């Protein structure tokens, strides 16, 4: 592999063409066969700085979903959302008090 052509900085404009290719290939369409399997991911945990535990949580869900797909299941991963934003409010209030 020639590393001279690898960009050293991330360019977000590259994403739209790749995303369009994924959509055209039907990669976001759910499988029409297989027993349904769903997981609900917990809402984002806003505790301050990101740490390895944040990534680990999502990695575990991803591994389980991929495993179940390989077993022929029709998998849905539903990301959680903190609609009330109570954790965000508590963090902001804590930072303001400092």
PDB file of N, CA and C in Angstrom:
ATOM      1  N   UNK A   1       0.840  -1.176   0.000  1.00  0.00           N
ATOM      2  CA  UNK A   1       0.000   0.000   0.000  1.00  0.00           C
ATOM      3  C   UNK A   1       0.882   1.235   0.000  1.00  0.00           C
ATOM      4  N   UNK A   2       0.528   2.180  -0.823  1.00  0.00           N
ATOM      5  CA  UNK A   2       1.270   3.426  -0.916  1.00  0.00           C
ATOM      6  C   UNK A   2       0.699   4.416   0.091  1.00  0.00           C
ATOM      7  N   UNK A   3       1.469   4.753   1.097  1.00  0.00           N
ATOM      8  CA  UNK A   3       0.972   5.650   2.147  1.00  0.00           C
ATOM      9  C   UNK A   3       1.119   7.121   1.781  1.00  0.00           C
ATOM     10  N   UNK A   4       1.731   7.420   0.656  1.00  0.00           N
ATOM     11  CA  UNK A   4       1.898   8.821   0.258  1.00  0.00           C
ATOM     12  C   UNK A   4       0.565   9.476  -0.078  1.00  0.00           C
ATOM     13  N   UNK A   5      -0.422   8.700  -0.513  1.00  0.00           N
ATOM     14  CA  UNK A   5      -1.706   9.262  -0.918  1.00  0.00           C
ATOM     15  C   UNK A   5      -2.748   9.274   0.194  1.00  0.00           C
ATOM     16  N   UNK A   6      -2.384   8.807   1.363  1.00  0.00           N
ATOM     17  CA  UNK A   6      -3.320   8.804   2.484  1.00  0.00           C
ATOM     18  C   UNK A   6      -3.330  10.198   3.109  1.00  0.00           C
ATOM     19  N   UNK A   7      -4.519  10.828   3.171  1.00  0.00           N
ATOM     20  CA  UNK A   7      -4.571  12.172   3.758  1.00  0.00           C
ATOM     21  C   UNK A   7      -4.210  12.141   5.242  1.00  0.00           C
ATOM     22  N   UNK A   8      -3.583  13.189   5.697  1.00  0.00           N
ATOM     23  CA  UNK A   8      -3.190  13.273   7.101  1.00  0.00           C
ATOM     24  C   UNK A   8      -4.266  13.943   7.949  1.00  0.00           C
ATOM     25  N   UNK A   9      -5.259  14.559   7.303  1.00  0.00           N
ATOM     26  CA  UNK A   9      -6.345  15.209   8.031  1.00  0.00           C
ATOM     27  C   UNK A   9      -7.680  14.653   7.565  1.00  0.00           C
ATOM     28  N   UNK A  10      -8.621  14.606   8.466  1.00  0.00           N
ATOM     29  CA  UNK A  10      -9.967  14.119   8.151  1.00  0.00           C
ATOM     30  C   UNK A  10     -10.716  15.172   7.339  1.00  0.00           C
ATOM     31  N   UNK A  11     -11.374  14.737   6.274  1.00  0.00           N
ATOM     32  CA  UNK A  11     -12.165  15.635   5.437  1.00  0.00           C
ATOM     33  C   UNK A  11     -13.602  15.116   5.398  1.00  0.00           C
ATOM     34  N   UNK A  12     -14.490  15.810   6.076  1.00  0.00           N
ATOM     35  CA  UNK A  12     -15.880  15.349   6.187  1.00  0.00           C
ATOM     36  C   UNK A  12     -16.612  15.344   4.851  1.00  0.00           C
ATOM     37  N   UNK A  13     -16.122  16.078   3.862  1.00  0.00           N
ATOM     38  CA  UNK A  13     -16.811  16.111   2.570  1.00  0.00           C
ATOM     39  C   UNK A  13     -16.725  14.773   1.843  1.00  0.00           C
ATOM     40  N   UNK A  14     -15.794  13.925   2.229  1.00  0.00           N
ATOM     41  CA  UNK A  14     -15.684  12.598   1.614  1.00  0.00           C
ATOM     42  C   UNK A  14     -16.841  11.689   2.019  1.00  0.00           C
ATOM     43  N   UNK A  15     -17.465  11.981   3.140  1.00  0.00           N
ATOM     44  CA  UNK A  15     -18.492  11.088   3.668  1.00  0.00           C
ATOM     45  C   UNK A  15     -19.729  11.001   2.785  1.00  0.00           C
ATOM     46  N   UNK A  16     -20.148  12.100   2.193  1.00  0.00           N
ATOM     47  CA  UNK A  16     -21.410  12.084   1.442  1.00  0.00           C
ATOM     48  C   UNK A  16     -21.362  11.119   0.263  1.00  0.00           C
ATOM     49  N   UNK A  17     -20.249  11.049  -0.444  1.00  0.00           N
ATOM     50  CA  UNK A  17     -20.176  10.130  -1.586  1.00  0.00           C
ATOM     51  C   UNK A  17     -20.171   8.671  -1.111  1.00  0.00           C
ATOM     52  N   UNK A  18     -19.494   8.403  -0.020  1.00  0.00           N
ATOM     53  CA  UNK A  18     -19.470   7.034   0.516  1.00  0.00           C
ATOM     54  C   UNK A  18     -20.859   6.655   1.021  1.00  0.00           C
ATOM     55  N   UNK A  19     -21.517   7.561   1.716  1.00  0.00           N
ATOM     56  CA  UNK A  19     -22.860   7.306   2.241  1.00  0.00           C
ATOM     57  C   UNK A  19     -23.832   7.022   1.099  1.00  0.00           C
ATOM     58  N   UNK A  20     -23.724   7.804   0.022  1.00  0.00           N
ATOM     59  CA  UNK A  20     -24.588   7.582  -1.142  1.00  0.00           C
ATOM     60  C   UNK A  20     -24.368   6.190  -1.732  1.00  0.00           C
ATOM     61  N   UNK A  21     -23.129   5.744  -1.771  1.00  0.00           N
ATOM     62  CA  UNK A  21     -22.827   4.399  -2.277  1.00  0.00           C
ATOM     63  C   UNK A  21     -23.452   3.336  -1.371  1.00  0.00           C
ATOM     64  N   UNK A  22     -23.381   3.542  -0.068  1.00  0.00           N
ATOM     65  CA  UNK A  22     -23.966   2.588   0.879  1.00  0.00           C
ATOM     66  C   UNK A  22     -25.481   2.507   0.695  1.00  0.00           C
ATOM     67  N   UNK A  23     -26.115   3.690   0.539  1.00  0.00           N
ATOM     68  CA  UNK A  23     -27.563   3.702   0.344  1.00  0.00           C
ATOM     69  C   UNK A  23     -27.947   3.011  -0.957  1.00  0.00           C
ATOM     70  N   UNK A  24     -27.205   3.287  -2.039  1.00  0.00           N
ATOM     71  CA  UNK A  24     -27.490   2.673  -3.341  1.00  0.00           C
ATOM     72  C   UNK A  24     -27.343   1.151  -3.280  1.00  0.00           C
ATOM     73  N   UNK A  25     -26.432   0.675  -2.453  1.00  0.00           N
ATOM     74  CA  UNK A  25     -26.211  -0.767  -2.318  1.00  0.00           C
ATOM     75  C   UNK A  25     -27.238  -1.423  -1.387  1.00  0.00           C
ATOM     76  N   UNK A  26     -28.105  -0.621  -0.769  1.00  0.00           N
ATOM     77  CA  UNK A  26     -29.130  -1.165   0.115  1.00  0.00           C
ATOM     78  C   UNK A  26     -28.606  -1.616   1.462  1.00  0.00           C
ATOM     79  N   UNK A  27     -27.486  -1.055   1.896  1.00  0.00           N
ATOM     80  CA  UNK A  27     -26.880  -1.504   3.149  1.00  0.00           C
ATOM     81  C   UNK A  27     -27.671  -1.103   4.392  1.00  0.00           C
ATOM     82  N   UNK A  28     -28.580  -0.151   4.260  1.00  0.00           N
ATOM     83  CA  UNK A  28     -29.358   0.285   5.418  1.00  0.00           C
ATOM     84  C   UNK A  28     -30.736  -0.368   5.468  1.00  0.00           C
ATOM     85  N   UNK A  29     -31.037  -1.219   4.507  1.00  0.00           N
ATOM     86  CA  UNK A  29     -32.332  -1.893   4.483  1.00  0.00           C
ATOM     87  C   UNK A  29     -32.270  -3.128   5.379  1.00  0.00           C
ATOM     88  N   UNK A  30     -33.272  -3.304   6.218  1.00  0.00           N
ATOM     89  CA  UNK A  30     -33.259  -4.485   7.098  1.00  0.00           C
ATOM     90  C   UNK A  30     -33.473  -5.768   6.303  1.00  0.00           C
ATOM     91  N   UNK A  31     -32.958  -6.839   6.837  1.00  0.00           N
ATOM     92  CA  UNK A  31     -33.147  -8.147   6.210  1.00  0.00           C
ATOM     93  C   UNK A  31     -34.620  -8.526   6.289  1.00  0.00           C
ATOM     94  N   UNK A  32     -35.135  -9.078   5.212  1.00  0.00           N
ATOM     95  CA  UNK A  32     -36.548  -9.453   5.189  1.00  0.00           C
ATOM     96  C   UNK A  32     -36.776 -10.877   5.676  1.00  0.00           C
ATOM     97  N   UNK A  33     -35.700 -11.587   5.943  1.00  0.00           N
ATOM     98  CA  UNK A  33     -35.832 -12.956   6.432  1.00  0.00           C
ATOM     99  C   UNK A  33     -35.172 -13.059   7.797  1.00  0.00           C
ATOM    100  N   UNK A  34     -35.481 -14.113   8.486  1.00  0.00           N
ATOM    101  CA  UNK A  34     -34.857 -14.349   9.785  1.00  0.00           C
ATOM    102  C   UNK A  34     -35.742 -13.928  10.935  1.00  0.00           C
ATOM    103  N   UNK A  35     -35.537 -14.590  12.042  1.00  0.00           N
ATOM    104  CA  UNK A  35     -36.276 -14.275  13.260  1.00  0.00           C
ATOM    105  C   UNK A  35     -35.843 -12.904  13.769  1.00  0.00           C
ATOM    106  N   UNK A  36     -36.792 -12.051  14.153  1.00  0.00           N
ATOM    107  CA  UNK A  36     -36.422 -10.721  14.643  1.00  0.00           C
ATOM    108  C   UNK A  36     -35.616 -10.789  15.943  1.00  0.00           C
ATOM    109  N   UNK A  37     -34.640  -9.922  16.043  1.00  0.00           N
ATOM    110  CA  UNK A  37     -33.844  -9.760  17.262  1.00  0.00           C
ATOM    111  C   UNK A  37     -33.606  -8.269  17.422  1.00  0.00           C
ATOM    112  N   UNK A  38     -33.941  -7.724  18.578  1.00  0.00           N
ATOM    113  CA  UNK A  38     -33.742  -6.287  18.784  1.00  0.00           C
ATOM    114  C   UNK A  38     -33.048  -6.022  20.108  1.00  0.00           C
ATOM    115  N   UNK A  39     -32.316  -4.932  20.123  1.00  0.00           N
ATOM    116  CA  UNK A  39     -31.636  -4.460  21.336  1.00  0.00           C
ATOM    117  C   UNK A  39     -31.874  -2.965  21.446  1.00  0.00           C
ATOM    118  N   UNK A  40     -32.072  -2.508  22.648  1.00  0.00           N
ATOM    119  CA  UNK A  40     -32.168  -1.075  22.887  1.00  0.00           C
ATOM    120  C   UNK A  40     -30.898  -0.657  23.606  1.00  0.00           C
ATOM    121  N   UNK A  41     -30.168   0.254  22.981  1.00  0.00           N
ATOM    122  CA  UNK A  41     -28.939   0.749  23.607  1.00  0.00           C
ATOM    123  C   UNK A  41     -29.324   1.803  24.636  1.00  0.00           C
ATOM    124  N   UNK A  42     -28.610   1.862  25.740  1.00  0.00           N
ATOM    125  CA  UNK A  42     -28.927   2.883  26.739  1.00  0.00           C
ATOM    126  C   UNK A  42     -28.630   4.271  26.187  1.00  0.00           C
ATOM    127  N   UNK A  43     -29.278   5.289  26.743  1.00  0.00           N
ATOM    128  CA  UNK A  43     -28.997   6.647  26.277  1.00  0.00           C
ATOM    129  C   UNK A  43     -27.548   7.020  26.558  1.00  0.00           C
ATOM    130  N   UNK A  44     -27.057   8.015  25.837  1.00  0.00           N
ATOM    131  CA  UNK A  44     -25.674   8.449  26.070  1.00  0.00           C
ATOM    132  C   UNK A  44     -25.470   8.846  27.530  1.00  0.00           C
ATOM    133  N   UNK A  45     -24.319   8.504  28.063  1.00  0.00           N
ATOM    134  CA  UNK A  45     -23.986   8.806  29.446  1.00  0.00           C
ATOM    135  C   UNK A  45     -23.113  10.052  29.476  1.00  0.00           C
ATOM    136  N   UNK A  46     -23.679  11.137  29.940  1.00  0.00           N
ATOM    137  CA  UNK A  46     -22.950  12.399  29.955  1.00  0.00           C
ATOM    138  C   UNK A  46     -22.390  12.609  31.352  1.00  0.00           C
ATOM    139  N   UNK A  47     -21.166  12.175  31.551  1.00  0.00           N
ATOM    140  CA  UNK A  47     -20.543  12.311  32.866  1.00  0.00           C
ATOM    141  C   UNK A  47     -19.306  13.193  32.818  1.00  0.00           C
ATOM    142  N   UNK A  48     -19.075  13.840  31.719  1.00  0.00           N
ATOM    143  CA  UNK A  48     -17.877  14.672  31.590  1.00  0.00           C
ATOM    144  C   UNK A  48     -17.036  14.198  30.433  1.00  0.00           C
ATOM    145  N   UNK A  49     -15.764  13.976  30.680  1.00  0.00           N
ATOM    146  CA  UNK A  49     -14.842  13.573  29.626  1.00  0.00           C
ATOM    147  C   UNK A  49     -15.118  12.144  29.162  1.00  0.00           C
ATOM    148  N   UNK A  50     -14.918  11.926  27.860  1.00  0.00           N
ATOM    149  CA  UNK A  50     -15.057  10.576  27.325  1.00  0.00           C
ATOM    150  C   UNK A  50     -13.941   9.693  27.854  1.00  0.00           C
ATOM    151  N   UNK A  51     -14.247   8.424  28.049  1.00  0.00           N
ATOM    152  CA  UNK A  51     -13.234   7.471  28.486  1.00  0.00           C
ATOM    153  C   UNK A  51     -13.500   6.138  27.797  1.00  0.00           C
ATOM    154  N   UNK A  52     -12.655   5.176  28.016  1.00  0.00           N
ATOM    155  CA  UNK A  52     -12.732   3.892  27.336  1.00  0.00           C
ATOM    156  C   UNK A  52     -14.057   3.175  27.586  1.00  0.00           C
ATOM    157  N   UNK A  53     -14.633   3.364  28.734  1.00  0.00           N
ATOM    158  CA  UNK A  53     -15.902   2.717  29.050  1.00  0.00           C
ATOM    159  C   UNK A  53     -17.023   3.117  28.109  1.00  0.00           C
ATOM    160  N   UNK A  54     -17.022   4.372  27.640  1.00  0.00           N
ATOM    161  CA  UNK A  54     -18.042   4.801  26.687  1.00  0.00           C
ATOM    162  C   UNK A  54     -17.953   3.971  25.410  1.00  0.00           C
ATOM    163  N   UNK A  55     -16.762   3.841  24.870  1.00  0.00           N
ATOM    164  CA  UNK A  55     -16.569   3.061  23.650  1.00  0.00           C
ATOM    165  C   UNK A  55     -16.849   1.585  23.858  1.00  0.00           C
ATOM    166  N   UNK A  56     -16.497   1.071  25.019  1.00  0.00           N
ATOM    167  CA  UNK A  56     -16.707  -0.345  25.312  1.00  0.00           C
ATOM    168  C   UNK A  56     -18.192  -0.698  25.277  1.00  0.00           C
ATOM    169  N   UNK A  57     -19.012   0.167  25.825  1.00  0.00           N
ATOM    170  CA  UNK A  57     -20.454  -0.082  25.840  1.00  0.00           C
ATOM    171  C   UNK A  57     -20.985  -0.264  24.427  1.00  0.00           C
ATOM    172  N   UNK A  58     -20.613   0.646  23.533  1.00  0.00           N
ATOM    173  CA  UNK A  58     -21.097   0.561  22.155  1.00  0.00           C
ATOM    174  C   UNK A  58     -20.471  -0.618  21.422  1.00  0.00           C
ATOM    175  N   UNK A  59     -19.227  -0.933  21.729  1.00  0.00           N
ATOM    176  CA  UNK A  59     -18.555  -2.063  21.075  1.00  0.00           C
ATOM    177  C   UNK A  59     -19.238  -3.382  21.434  1.00  0.00           C
ATOM    178  N   UNK A  60     -19.643  -3.536  22.680  1.00  0.00           N
ATOM    179  CA  UNK A  60     -20.317  -4.767  23.105  1.00  0.00           C
ATOM    180  C   UNK A  60     -21.635  -4.934  22.351  1.00  0.00           C
ATOM    181  N   UNK A  61     -22.408  -3.867  22.248  1.00  0.00           N
ATOM    182  CA  UNK A  61     -23.666  -3.940  21.501  1.00  0.00           C
ATOM    183  C   UNK A  61     -23.413  -4.289  20.037  1.00  0.00           C
ATOM    184  N   UNK A  62     -22.392  -3.705  19.455  1.00  0.00           N
ATOM    185  CA  UNK A  62     -22.063  -3.968  18.059  1.00  0.00           C
ATOM    186  C   UNK A  62     -21.676  -5.433  17.848  1.00  0.00           C
ATOM    187  N   UNK A  63     -20.873  -5.969  18.751  1.00  0.00           N
ATOM    188  CA  UNK A  63     -20.449  -7.370  18.640  1.00  0.00           C
ATOM    189  C   UNK A  63     -21.657  -8.307  18.741  1.00  0.00           C
ATOM    190  N   UNK A  64     -22.543  -8.041  19.682  1.00  0.00           N
ATOM    191  CA  UNK A  64     -23.735  -8.882  19.837  1.00  0.00           C
ATOM    192  C   UNK A  64     -24.593  -8.824  18.573  1.00  0.00           C
ATOM    193  N   UNK A  65     -24.798  -7.628  18.036  1.00  0.00           N
ATOM    194  CA  UNK A  65     -25.617  -7.480  16.827  1.00  0.00           C
ATOM    195  C   UNK A  65     -25.005  -8.229  15.651  1.00  0.00           C
ATOM    196  N   UNK A  66     -23.701  -8.092  15.477  1.00  0.00           N
ATOM    197  CA  UNK A  66     -23.038  -8.789  14.366  1.00  0.00           C
ATOM    198  C   UNK A  66     -23.118 -10.304  14.546  1.00  0.00           C
ATOM    199  N   UNK A  67     -22.983 -10.777  15.757  1.00  0.00           N
ATOM    200  CA  UNK A  67     -23.085 -12.208  16.039  1.00  0.00           C
ATOM    201  C   UNK A  67     -24.480 -12.724  15.675  1.00  0.00           C
ATOM    202  N   UNK A  68     -25.494 -11.985  16.084  1.00  0.00           N
ATOM    203  CA  UNK A  68     -26.862 -12.418  15.812  1.00  0.00           C
ATOM    204  C   UNK A  68     -27.167 -12.374  14.315  1.00  0.00           C
ATOM    205  N   UNK A  69     -26.625 -11.396  13.610  1.00  0.00           N
ATOM    206  CA  UNK A  69     -26.809 -11.361  12.154  1.00  0.00           C
ATOM    207  C   UNK A  69     -26.180 -12.581  11.502  1.00  0.00           C
ATOM    208  N   UNK A  70     -25.006 -12.965  11.980  1.00  0.00           N
ATOM    209  CA  UNK A  70     -24.328 -14.146  11.425  1.00  0.00           C
ATOM    210  C   UNK A  70     -25.134 -15.418  11.689  1.00  0.00           C
ATOM    211  N   UNK A  71     -25.951 -15.385  12.716  1.00  0.00           N
ATOM    212  CA  UNK A  71     -26.811 -16.544  13.024  1.00  0.00           C
ATOM    213  C   UNK A  71     -28.125 -16.493  12.251  1.00  0.00           C
ATOM    214  N   UNK A  72     -28.276 -15.507  11.365  1.00  0.00           N
ATOM    215  CA  UNK A  72     -29.454 -15.424  10.504  1.00  0.00           C
ATOM    216  C   UNK A  72     -30.606 -14.612  11.042  1.00  0.00           C
ATOM    217  N   UNK A  73     -30.396 -13.906  12.135  1.00  0.00           N
ATOM    218  CA  UNK A  73     -31.470 -13.093  12.712  1.00  0.00           C
ATOM    219  C   UNK A  73     -31.600 -11.771  11.946  1.00  0.00           C
ATOM    220  N   UNK A  74     -32.794 -11.209  11.976  1.00  0.00           N
ATOM    221  CA  UNK A  74     -33.041  -9.872  11.448  1.00  0.00           C
ATOM    222  C   UNK A  74     -32.876  -8.911  12.624  1.00  0.00           C
ATOM    223  N   UNK A  75     -31.772  -8.188  12.651  1.00  0.00           N
ATOM    224  CA  UNK A  75     -31.356  -7.435  13.840  1.00  0.00           C
ATOM    225  C   UNK A  75     -31.737  -5.960  13.738  1.00  0.00           C
ATOM    226  N   UNK A  76     -32.269  -5.436  14.832  1.00  0.00           N
ATOM    227  CA  UNK A  76     -32.529  -4.008  14.973  1.00  0.00           C
ATOM    228  C   UNK A  76     -31.827  -3.533  16.238  1.00  0.00           C
ATOM    229  N   UNK A  77     -30.980  -2.518  16.088  1.00  0.00           N
ATOM    230  CA  UNK A  77     -30.364  -1.872  17.252  1.00  0.00           C
ATOM    231  C   UNK A  77     -31.010  -0.498  17.353  1.00  0.00           C
ATOM    232  N   UNK A  78     -31.695  -0.252  18.437  1.00  0.00           N
ATOM    233  CA  UNK A  78     -32.378   1.016  18.627  1.00  0.00           C
ATOM    234  C   UNK A  78     -31.596   1.858  19.624  1.00  0.00           C
ATOM    235  N   UNK A  79     -30.941   2.924  19.160  1.00  0.00           N
ATOM    236  CA  UNK A  79     -30.169   3.765  20.084  1.00  0.00           C
ATOM    237  C   UNK A  79     -31.094   4.515  21.036  1.00  0.00           C
ATOM    238  N   UNK A  80     -30.678   4.614  22.272  1.00  0.00           N
ATOM    239  CA  UNK A  80     -31.447   5.350  23.260  1.00  0.00           C
ATOM    240  C   UNK A  80     -31.166   6.841  23.159  1.00  0.00           C
ATOM    241  N   UNK A  81     -32.039   7.626  23.743  1.00  0.00           N
ATOM    242  CA  UNK A  81     -31.857   9.077  23.754  1.00  0.00           C
ATOM    243  C   UNK A  81     -32.317   9.614  25.101  1.00  0.00           C
ATOM    244  N   UNK A  82     -31.597  10.587  25.596  1.00  0.00           N
ATOM    245  CA  UNK A  82     -31.954  11.221  26.863  1.00  0.00           C
ATOM    246  C   UNK A  82     -32.769  12.466  26.537  1.00  0.00           C
ATOM    247  N   UNK A  83     -34.071  12.275  26.342  1.00  0.00           N
ATOM    248  CA  UNK A  83     -34.913  13.383  25.913  1.00  0.00           C
ATOM    249  C   UNK A  83     -35.033  14.469  26.979  1.00  0.00           C
ATOM    250  N   UNK A  84     -34.991  14.096  28.220  1.00  0.00           N
ATOM    251  CA  UNK A  84     -35.130  15.082  29.285  1.00  0.00           C
ATOM    252  C   UNK A  84     -33.824  15.826  29.538  1.00  0.00           C
ATOM    253  N   UNK A  85     -32.706  15.229  29.140  1.00  0.00           N
ATOM    254  CA  UNK A  85     -31.378  15.829  29.288  1.00  0.00           C
ATOM    255  C   UNK A  85     -31.050  16.165  30.740  1.00  0.00           C
ATOM    256  N   UNK A  86     -31.546  15.355  31.658  1.00  0.00           N
ATOM    257  CA  UNK A  86     -31.302  15.599  33.077  1.00  0.00           C
ATOM    258  C   UNK A  86     -29.815  15.471  33.393  1.00  0.00           C
ATOM    259  N   UNK A  87     -29.151  14.478  32.804  1.00  0.00           N
ATOM    260  CA  UNK A  87     -27.720  14.295  33.059  1.00  0.00           C
ATOM    261  C   UNK A  87     -26.918  15.478  32.542  1.00  0.00           C
ATOM    262  N   UNK A  88     -27.307  16.004  31.393  1.00  0.00           N
ATOM    263  CA  UNK A  88     -26.607  17.168  30.833  1.00  0.00           C
ATOM    264  C   UNK A  88     -26.805  18.368  31.745  1.00  0.00           C
ATOM    265  N   UNK A  89     -28.024  18.576  32.198  1.00  0.00           N
ATOM    266  CA  UNK A  89     -28.311  19.699  33.083  1.00  0.00           C
ATOM    267  C   UNK A  89     -27.494  19.597  34.367  1.00  0.00           C
ATOM    268  N   UNK A  90     -27.415  18.421  34.953  1.00  0.00           N
ATOM    269  CA  UNK A  90     -26.653  18.237  36.190  1.00  0.00           C
ATOM    270  C   UNK A  90     -25.179  18.530  35.962  1.00  0.00           C
ATOM    271  N   UNK A  91     -24.635  18.092  34.837  1.00  0.00           N
ATOM    272  CA  UNK A  91     -23.225  18.334  34.536  1.00  0.00           C
ATOM    273  C   UNK A  91     -22.956  19.821  34.341  1.00  0.00           C
ATOM    274  N   UNK A  92     -23.831  20.504  33.623  1.00  0.00           N
ATOM    275  CA  UNK A  92     -23.660  21.943  33.396  1.00  0.00           C
ATOM    276  C   UNK A  92     -23.739  22.698  34.715  1.00  0.00           C
ATOM    277  N   UNK A  93     -24.705  22.358  35.557  1.00  0.00           N
ATOM    278  CA  UNK A  93     -24.834  23.029  36.852  1.00  0.00           C
ATOM    279  C   UNK A  93     -23.592  22.808  37.706  1.00  0.00           C
ATOM    280  N   UNK A  94     -23.033  21.616  37.650  1.00  0.00           N
ATOM    281  CA  UNK A  94     -21.824  21.308  38.413  1.00  0.00           C
ATOM    282  C   UNK A  94     -20.649  22.156  37.929  1.00  0.00           C
ATOM    283  N   UNK A  95     -20.536  22.306  36.600  1.00  0.00           N
ATOM    284  CA  UNK A  95     -19.435  23.108  36.048  1.00  0.00           C
ATOM    285  C   UNK A  95     -19.630  24.590  36.349  1.00  0.00           C
ATOM    286  N   UNK A  96     -20.877  25.052  36.369  1.00  0.00           N
ATOM    287  CA  UNK A  96     -21.151  26.459  36.663  1.00  0.00           C
ATOM    288  C   UNK A  96     -20.782  26.786  38.108  1.00  0.00           C
ATOM    289  N   UNK A  97     -21.026  25.843  39.019  1.00  0.00           N
ATOM    290  CA  UNK A  97     -20.730  26.072  40.429  1.00  0.00           C
ATOM    291  C   UNK A  97     -19.243  26.237  40.686  1.00  0.00           C
ATOM    292  N   UNK A  98     -18.410  25.669  39.820  1.00  0.00           N
ATOM    293  CA  UNK A  98     -16.953  25.781  40.007  1.00  0.00           C
ATOM    294  C   UNK A  98     -16.526  27.154  39.743  1.00  0.00           C
TER     295      UNK A  98
END
